[in-house]
Amino acid sequence: MPRNRGYRFNWEGRELELGIYKFKIEKQLSKWVDDVLAQRHVLTLAHYVNEDIPVMLKIRYELNPKNFPIIEDVEETREIGRRHHLFEASLYKLLHEIGHGPKVMMVTKRDRQSEWMPYPEGRIFFTVLRRVPGENVGKIRNELSR
């Protein structure tokens, strides 16, 4: 399946307003396409501008389902994607409650993406998490003891 569908762009430096909350994206950590749900997932480091709090911002947004021949029922696929977002957020909350993950600050969505995005008719989902303190384990793993 071709990967050049006009939706490859970087979120770094973008500013978002989610209701009264303002976020500035500092760094995009990862991105991947879910071909089954026609969604792109992006994990970023951001800053909650209103309170000067560093956060992680998980973004998932719908892509045009016409570009994904595996999808037969668009509405059913969209509903499954919405449920996946809520399930993922509930897992983050559970992990935080048992001491193994960051605190969920906000879970929200927009029914339409911004005009500059690849599929403005699609929805976009956000999960805002407190940033976990510490160092990047990938960078220091060789220095850690067993």
N, C-alpha and C. Protein backbone atom coordinates (compact mmCIF):
# COMPACT_ATOMS: atom_id res chain seq x y z
N MET A 1 0.85 -1.18 0.00
CA MET A 1 0.00 0.00 0.00
C MET A 1 0.89 1.24 0.00
N PRO A 2 0.63 2.22 -0.84
CA PRO A 2 1.50 3.40 -0.90
C PRO A 2 1.42 4.22 0.37
N ARG A 3 2.56 4.75 0.79
CA ARG A 3 2.62 5.54 2.02
C ARG A 3 2.56 7.04 1.74
N ASN A 4 2.65 7.45 0.49
CA ASN A 4 2.64 8.87 0.18
C ASN A 4 1.22 9.30 -0.15
N ARG A 5 0.43 9.58 0.86
CA ARG A 5 -0.96 9.96 0.66
C ARG A 5 -1.19 11.43 1.01
N GLY A 6 -0.12 12.22 1.05
CA GLY A 6 -0.27 13.64 1.31
C GLY A 6 -0.48 14.00 2.76
N TYR A 7 -0.16 13.11 3.70
CA TYR A 7 -0.38 13.45 5.10
C TYR A 7 0.87 13.33 5.94
N ARG A 8 2.00 13.39 5.33
CA ARG A 8 3.26 13.35 6.09
C ARG A 8 3.66 14.79 6.41
N PHE A 9 3.55 15.13 7.65
CA PHE A 9 4.01 16.44 8.08
C PHE A 9 4.39 16.35 9.54
N ASN A 10 5.10 17.35 9.99
CA ASN A 10 5.64 17.36 11.35
C ASN A 10 4.80 18.28 12.23
N TRP A 11 4.53 17.85 13.44
CA TRP A 11 3.75 18.65 14.38
C TRP A 11 4.62 19.62 15.18
N GLU A 12 5.93 19.48 15.11
CA GLU A 12 6.82 20.32 15.93
C GLU A 12 6.58 21.80 15.64
N GLY A 13 6.49 22.57 16.73
CA GLY A 13 6.29 24.01 16.63
C GLY A 13 4.84 24.43 16.50
N ARG A 14 3.95 23.51 16.28
CA ARG A 14 2.52 23.86 16.13
C ARG A 14 1.92 24.19 17.49
N GLU A 15 0.95 25.08 17.47
CA GLU A 15 0.20 25.44 18.67
C GLU A 15 -1.23 24.97 18.50
N LEU A 16 -1.77 24.40 19.56
CA LEU A 16 -3.14 23.88 19.55
C LEU A 16 -3.94 24.52 20.66
N GLU A 17 -5.19 24.77 20.39
CA GLU A 17 -6.13 25.19 21.43
C GLU A 17 -7.19 24.12 21.54
N LEU A 18 -7.30 23.56 22.72
CA LEU A 18 -8.33 22.56 23.01
C LEU A 18 -9.24 23.19 24.05
N GLY A 19 -10.31 23.80 23.58
CA GLY A 19 -11.16 24.59 24.46
C GLY A 19 -10.39 25.80 24.93
N ILE A 20 -10.29 25.98 26.26
CA ILE A 20 -9.54 27.11 26.81
C ILE A 20 -8.07 26.77 27.05
N TYR A 21 -7.68 25.55 26.74
CA TYR A 21 -6.32 25.09 27.00
C TYR A 21 -5.45 25.25 25.76
N LYS A 22 -4.26 25.82 25.97
CA LYS A 22 -3.34 26.04 24.86
C LYS A 22 -2.10 25.18 25.04
N PHE A 23 -1.67 24.56 23.95
CA PHE A 23 -0.50 23.69 23.96
C PHE A 23 0.43 24.08 22.82
N LYS A 24 1.72 24.00 23.10
CA LYS A 24 2.74 24.21 22.07
C LYS A 24 3.54 22.92 21.97
N ILE A 25 3.60 22.37 20.77
CA ILE A 25 4.31 21.11 20.56
C ILE A 25 5.79 21.40 20.36
N GLU A 26 6.60 20.75 21.20
CA GLU A 26 8.05 20.96 21.17
C GLU A 26 8.75 19.94 20.28
N LYS A 27 8.36 18.67 20.42
CA LYS A 27 9.07 17.62 19.70
C LYS A 27 8.11 16.49 19.35
N GLN A 28 8.22 16.00 18.14
CA GLN A 28 7.44 14.85 17.72
C GLN A 28 8.29 13.61 17.96
N LEU A 29 7.81 12.71 18.82
CA LEU A 29 8.58 11.52 19.17
C LEU A 29 8.37 10.36 18.21
N SER A 30 7.13 10.16 17.80
CA SER A 30 6.84 9.02 16.92
C SER A 30 5.59 9.29 16.12
N LYS A 31 5.46 8.52 15.05
CA LYS A 31 4.25 8.57 14.23
C LYS A 31 4.11 7.23 13.52
N TRP A 32 2.89 6.80 13.34
CA TRP A 32 2.64 5.58 12.59
C TRP A 32 1.22 5.59 12.05
N VAL A 33 1.01 4.85 10.99
CA VAL A 33 -0.30 4.76 10.36
C VAL A 33 -0.94 3.43 10.71
N ASP A 34 -2.18 3.49 11.15
CA ASP A 34 -2.98 2.30 11.39
C ASP A 34 -3.81 2.06 10.13
N ASP A 35 -3.37 1.12 9.30
CA ASP A 35 -4.05 0.85 8.04
C ASP A 35 -5.43 0.24 8.23
N VAL A 36 -5.66 -0.41 9.35
CA VAL A 36 -6.96 -1.05 9.60
C VAL A 36 -8.02 -0.01 9.93
N LEU A 37 -7.65 1.03 10.70
CA LEU A 37 -8.62 2.05 11.12
C LEU A 37 -8.48 3.35 10.34
N ALA A 38 -7.56 3.42 9.39
CA ALA A 38 -7.32 4.64 8.60
C ALA A 38 -7.07 5.82 9.54
N GLN A 39 -6.12 5.64 10.44
CA GLN A 39 -5.75 6.69 11.38
C GLN A 39 -4.23 6.83 11.42
N ARG A 40 -3.81 8.03 11.73
CA ARG A 40 -2.39 8.27 12.00
C ARG A 40 -2.27 8.58 13.48
N HIS A 41 -1.28 7.98 14.14
CA HIS A 41 -1.01 8.20 15.56
C HIS A 41 0.29 8.98 15.69
N VAL A 42 0.30 9.97 16.54
CA VAL A 42 1.49 10.79 16.76
C VAL A 42 1.67 10.98 18.26
N LEU A 43 2.89 10.79 18.75
CA LEU A 43 3.21 11.07 20.15
C LEU A 43 4.18 12.24 20.18
N THR A 44 3.85 13.25 20.99
CA THR A 44 4.68 14.45 21.04
C THR A 44 5.00 14.84 22.48
N LEU A 45 6.06 15.62 22.62
CA LEU A 45 6.32 16.35 23.85
C LEU A 45 5.80 17.75 23.60
N ALA A 46 5.03 18.25 24.54
CA ALA A 46 4.41 19.56 24.37
C ALA A 46 4.46 20.32 25.68
N HIS A 47 3.97 21.53 25.64
CA HIS A 47 3.90 22.38 26.82
C HIS A 47 2.49 22.91 26.96
N TYR A 48 1.90 22.73 28.14
CA TYR A 48 0.61 23.31 28.45
C TYR A 48 0.89 24.76 28.81
N VAL A 49 0.61 25.64 27.87
CA VAL A 49 1.03 27.04 27.98
C VAL A 49 0.35 27.75 29.14
N ASN A 50 -0.94 27.50 29.38
CA ASN A 50 -1.69 28.20 30.43
C ASN A 50 -1.03 28.08 31.80
N GLU A 51 -0.49 26.90 32.10
CA GLU A 51 0.07 26.64 33.43
C GLU A 51 1.57 26.38 33.41
N ASP A 52 2.20 26.47 32.25
CA ASP A 52 3.64 26.21 32.09
C ASP A 52 4.00 24.82 32.61
N ILE A 53 3.27 23.81 32.11
CA ILE A 53 3.48 22.43 32.52
C ILE A 53 3.93 21.61 31.30
N PRO A 54 5.04 20.86 31.42
CA PRO A 54 5.42 19.97 30.31
C PRO A 54 4.49 18.76 30.26
N VAL A 55 4.04 18.41 29.07
CA VAL A 55 3.10 17.30 28.90
C VAL A 55 3.52 16.44 27.71
N MET A 56 2.91 15.27 27.63
CA MET A 56 2.96 14.45 26.42
C MET A 56 1.59 14.56 25.79
N LEU A 57 1.56 14.71 24.50
CA LEU A 57 0.30 14.85 23.78
C LEU A 57 0.22 13.73 22.75
N LYS A 58 -0.75 12.84 22.94
CA LYS A 58 -0.99 11.74 21.99
C LYS A 58 -2.10 12.21 21.07
N ILE A 59 -1.81 12.21 19.78
CA ILE A 59 -2.77 12.66 18.77
C ILE A 59 -3.05 11.49 17.84
N ARG A 60 -4.32 11.27 17.57
CA ARG A 60 -4.67 10.31 16.53
C ARG A 60 -5.73 10.98 15.67
N TYR A 61 -5.52 10.93 14.37
CA TYR A 61 -6.47 11.58 13.48
C TYR A 61 -6.81 10.66 12.31
N GLU A 62 -8.06 10.82 11.87
CA GLU A 62 -8.55 9.98 10.79
C GLU A 62 -7.95 10.42 9.46
N LEU A 63 -7.71 9.44 8.61
CA LEU A 63 -7.27 9.67 7.24
C LEU A 63 -8.41 9.28 6.31
N ASN A 64 -8.34 9.70 5.08
CA ASN A 64 -9.41 9.41 4.13
C ASN A 64 -9.52 7.90 3.93
N PRO A 65 -10.65 7.31 4.31
CA PRO A 65 -10.79 5.85 4.21
C PRO A 65 -10.75 5.34 2.77
N LYS A 66 -10.97 6.21 1.79
CA LYS A 66 -10.90 5.79 0.39
C LYS A 66 -9.49 5.34 0.00
N ASN A 67 -8.49 5.80 0.77
CA ASN A 67 -7.10 5.42 0.50
C ASN A 67 -6.71 4.09 1.13
N PHE A 68 -7.67 3.43 1.78
CA PHE A 68 -7.40 2.18 2.49
C PHE A 68 -8.37 1.11 1.98
N PRO A 69 -7.97 0.35 0.97
CA PRO A 69 -8.89 -0.62 0.36
C PRO A 69 -9.37 -1.71 1.31
N ILE A 70 -8.68 -1.91 2.42
CA ILE A 70 -9.08 -2.95 3.38
C ILE A 70 -10.40 -2.58 4.07
N ILE A 71 -10.74 -1.28 4.11
CA ILE A 71 -11.93 -0.82 4.83
C ILE A 71 -13.16 -1.00 3.95
N GLU A 72 -14.12 -1.75 4.48
CA GLU A 72 -15.37 -1.99 3.75
C GLU A 72 -16.50 -1.12 4.28
N ASP A 73 -16.62 -1.00 5.59
CA ASP A 73 -17.69 -0.22 6.20
C ASP A 73 -17.07 0.98 6.92
N VAL A 74 -17.16 2.14 6.30
CA VAL A 74 -16.49 3.34 6.82
C VAL A 74 -17.04 3.74 8.18
N GLU A 75 -18.36 3.75 8.34
CA GLU A 75 -18.94 4.19 9.62
C GLU A 75 -18.58 3.24 10.75
N GLU A 76 -18.61 1.96 10.49
CA GLU A 76 -18.22 0.99 11.51
C GLU A 76 -16.75 1.17 11.89
N THR A 77 -15.91 1.39 10.90
CA THR A 77 -14.48 1.59 11.15
C THR A 77 -14.26 2.85 11.98
N ARG A 78 -14.99 3.92 11.68
CA ARG A 78 -14.86 5.16 12.46
C ARG A 78 -15.29 4.93 13.91
N GLU A 79 -16.36 4.18 14.12
CA GLU A 79 -16.83 3.90 15.48
C GLU A 79 -15.81 3.06 16.24
N ILE A 80 -15.21 2.09 15.59
CA ILE A 80 -14.18 1.27 16.23
C ILE A 80 -12.99 2.16 16.61
N GLY A 81 -12.61 3.09 15.73
CA GLY A 81 -11.51 4.01 16.03
C GLY A 81 -11.81 4.89 17.24
N ARG A 82 -13.06 5.36 17.34
CA ARG A 82 -13.45 6.18 18.50
C ARG A 82 -13.36 5.36 19.77
N ARG A 83 -13.85 4.13 19.73
CA ARG A 83 -13.79 3.26 20.92
C ARG A 83 -12.34 2.94 21.29
N HIS A 84 -11.50 2.74 20.30
CA HIS A 84 -10.07 2.48 20.58
C HIS A 84 -9.45 3.65 21.32
N HIS A 85 -9.78 4.86 20.90
CA HIS A 85 -9.24 6.06 21.57
C HIS A 85 -9.66 6.08 23.04
N LEU A 86 -10.93 5.83 23.31
CA LEU A 86 -11.41 5.85 24.69
C LEU A 86 -10.81 4.71 25.50
N PHE A 87 -10.68 3.54 24.90
CA PHE A 87 -10.07 2.40 25.59
C PHE A 87 -8.61 2.70 25.92
N GLU A 88 -7.89 3.27 24.97
CA GLU A 88 -6.49 3.63 25.20
C GLU A 88 -6.37 4.62 26.36
N ALA A 89 -7.23 5.63 26.39
CA ALA A 89 -7.20 6.60 27.48
C ALA A 89 -7.51 5.94 28.82
N SER A 90 -8.44 4.98 28.84
CA SER A 90 -8.75 4.30 30.10
C SER A 90 -7.57 3.44 30.55
N LEU A 91 -6.81 2.88 29.61
CA LEU A 91 -5.61 2.13 29.98
C LEU A 91 -4.56 3.05 30.59
N TYR A 92 -4.38 4.23 30.01
CA TYR A 92 -3.44 5.20 30.59
C TYR A 92 -3.84 5.52 32.03
N LYS A 93 -5.14 5.73 32.26
CA LYS A 93 -5.62 6.04 33.61
C LYS A 93 -5.34 4.89 34.57
N LEU A 94 -5.60 3.67 34.13
CA LEU A 94 -5.35 2.49 34.97
C LEU A 94 -3.86 2.37 35.29
N LEU A 95 -3.01 2.54 34.30
CA LEU A 95 -1.56 2.46 34.54
C LEU A 95 -1.11 3.51 35.55
N HIS A 96 -1.68 4.70 35.47
CA HIS A 96 -1.32 5.74 36.44
C HIS A 96 -1.79 5.34 37.85
N GLU A 97 -3.00 4.82 37.95
CA GLU A 97 -3.54 4.44 39.25
C GLU A 97 -2.69 3.39 39.95
N ILE A 98 -2.07 2.49 39.20
CA ILE A 98 -1.24 1.46 39.82
C ILE A 98 0.23 1.85 39.85
N GLY A 99 0.52 3.10 39.52
CA GLY A 99 1.88 3.62 39.65
C GLY A 99 2.83 3.30 38.51
N HIS A 100 2.29 3.02 37.32
CA HIS A 100 3.15 2.63 36.20
C HIS A 100 3.01 3.53 34.98
N GLY A 101 2.47 4.70 35.13
CA GLY A 101 2.32 5.56 33.96
C GLY A 101 1.98 6.98 34.33
N PRO A 102 2.00 7.86 33.35
CA PRO A 102 1.72 9.27 33.60
C PRO A 102 0.23 9.51 33.83
N LYS A 103 -0.06 10.61 34.48
CA LYS A 103 -1.44 10.99 34.77
C LYS A 103 -2.10 11.57 33.51
N VAL A 104 -3.32 11.13 33.25
CA VAL A 104 -4.11 11.68 32.14
C VAL A 104 -4.70 13.00 32.60
N MET A 105 -4.41 14.05 31.85
CA MET A 105 -4.93 15.38 32.18
C MET A 105 -6.22 15.68 31.42
N MET A 106 -6.31 15.16 30.18
CA MET A 106 -7.47 15.49 29.35
C MET A 106 -7.60 14.46 28.23
N VAL A 107 -8.84 14.13 27.91
CA VAL A 107 -9.17 13.30 26.76
C VAL A 107 -10.27 14.04 26.01
N THR A 108 -10.03 14.35 24.75
CA THR A 108 -11.01 15.13 24.00
C THR A 108 -10.90 14.82 22.52
N LYS A 109 -11.84 15.35 21.75
CA LYS A 109 -11.79 15.17 20.31
C LYS A 109 -12.42 16.38 19.63
N ARG A 110 -12.13 16.49 18.35
CA ARG A 110 -12.81 17.46 17.49
C ARG A 110 -13.49 16.66 16.38
N ASP A 111 -14.67 17.11 16.00
CA ASP A 111 -15.40 16.39 14.95
C ASP A 111 -14.84 16.67 13.56
N ARG A 112 -14.06 17.72 13.43
CA ARG A 112 -13.41 18.04 12.15
C ARG A 112 -11.98 18.46 12.42
N GLN A 113 -11.09 18.03 11.53
CA GLN A 113 -9.70 18.44 11.63
C GLN A 113 -9.56 19.86 11.08
N SER A 114 -8.44 20.47 11.35
CA SER A 114 -8.15 21.80 10.82
C SER A 114 -7.99 21.71 9.30
N GLU A 115 -8.21 22.83 8.63
CA GLU A 115 -8.14 22.86 7.17
C GLU A 115 -6.76 22.48 6.64
N TRP A 116 -5.70 22.74 7.40
CA TRP A 116 -4.35 22.44 6.93
C TRP A 116 -4.02 20.96 7.01
N MET A 117 -4.89 20.20 7.63
CA MET A 117 -4.62 18.77 7.81
C MET A 117 -5.03 17.97 6.58
N PRO A 118 -4.58 16.72 6.49
CA PRO A 118 -4.78 15.93 5.27
C PRO A 118 -6.23 15.54 4.98
N TYR A 119 -7.06 15.45 5.99
CA TYR A 119 -8.44 15.00 5.79
C TYR A 119 -9.35 15.83 6.69
N PRO A 120 -9.62 17.09 6.31
CA PRO A 120 -10.40 17.99 7.17
C PRO A 120 -11.77 17.45 7.58
N GLU A 121 -12.33 16.52 6.79
CA GLU A 121 -13.63 15.95 7.14
C GLU A 121 -13.52 14.93 8.27
N GLY A 122 -12.31 14.50 8.58
CA GLY A 122 -12.10 13.47 9.60
C GLY A 122 -12.01 14.03 11.00
N ARG A 123 -12.20 13.17 11.96
CA ARG A 123 -12.09 13.56 13.37
C ARG A 123 -10.64 13.49 13.82
N ILE A 124 -10.38 14.18 14.93
CA ILE A 124 -9.04 14.14 15.54
C ILE A 124 -9.22 13.98 17.04
N PHE A 125 -8.43 13.09 17.62
CA PHE A 125 -8.55 12.74 19.04
C PHE A 125 -7.27 13.12 19.77
N PHE A 126 -7.41 13.62 20.99
CA PHE A 126 -6.27 14.06 21.78
C PHE A 126 -6.31 13.41 23.17
N THR A 127 -5.15 12.98 23.64
CA THR A 127 -4.98 12.55 25.02
C THR A 127 -3.78 13.32 25.55
N VAL A 128 -4.00 14.10 26.61
CA VAL A 128 -2.93 14.90 27.21
C VAL A 128 -2.51 14.20 28.50
N LEU A 129 -1.20 13.93 28.61
CA LEU A 129 -0.65 13.23 29.77
C LEU A 129 0.44 14.07 30.42
N ARG A 130 0.52 13.99 31.74
CA ARG A 130 1.67 14.62 32.42
C ARG A 130 2.93 13.95 31.93
N ARG A 131 3.97 14.72 31.79
CA ARG A 131 5.24 14.16 31.33
C ARG A 131 5.91 13.39 32.46
N VAL A 132 6.45 12.24 32.14
CA VAL A 132 7.13 11.40 33.12
C VAL A 132 8.52 11.96 33.36
N PRO A 133 8.91 12.15 34.64
CA PRO A 133 10.25 12.67 34.91
C PRO A 133 11.31 11.60 34.64
N GLY A 134 12.53 12.05 34.43
CA GLY A 134 13.62 11.11 34.25
C GLY A 134 14.31 11.27 32.91
N GLU A 135 15.24 10.36 32.67
CA GLU A 135 16.04 10.40 31.45
C GLU A 135 15.51 9.42 30.42
N ASN A 136 15.86 9.64 29.19
CA ASN A 136 15.51 8.75 28.10
C ASN A 136 16.28 7.44 28.28
N VAL A 137 15.57 6.37 28.58
CA VAL A 137 16.21 5.08 28.85
C VAL A 137 16.97 4.58 27.62
N GLY A 138 16.47 4.87 26.45
CA GLY A 138 17.16 4.45 25.23
C GLY A 138 18.56 5.02 25.13
N LYS A 139 18.75 6.21 25.65
CA LYS A 139 20.07 6.86 25.58
C LYS A 139 21.02 6.37 26.67
N ILE A 140 20.48 5.95 27.82
CA ILE A 140 21.35 5.58 28.95
C ILE A 140 21.35 4.09 29.26
N ARG A 141 20.68 3.29 28.46
CA ARG A 141 20.51 1.86 28.79
C ARG A 141 21.82 1.11 28.95
N ASN A 142 22.85 1.47 28.20
CA ASN A 142 24.13 0.77 28.32
C ASN A 142 24.85 1.09 29.62
N GLU A 143 24.45 2.17 30.28
CA GLU A 143 25.08 2.57 31.54
C GLU A 143 24.34 2.00 32.75
N LEU A 144 23.18 1.41 32.54
CA LEU A 144 22.38 0.88 33.65
C LEU A 144 22.92 -0.47 34.10
N SER A 145 22.79 -0.72 35.39
CA SER A 145 23.22 -2.03 35.91
C SER A 145 22.10 -3.04 35.71
N ARG A 146 22.46 -4.28 35.80
CA ARG A 146 21.45 -5.34 35.60
C ARG A 146 20.71 -5.61 36.85
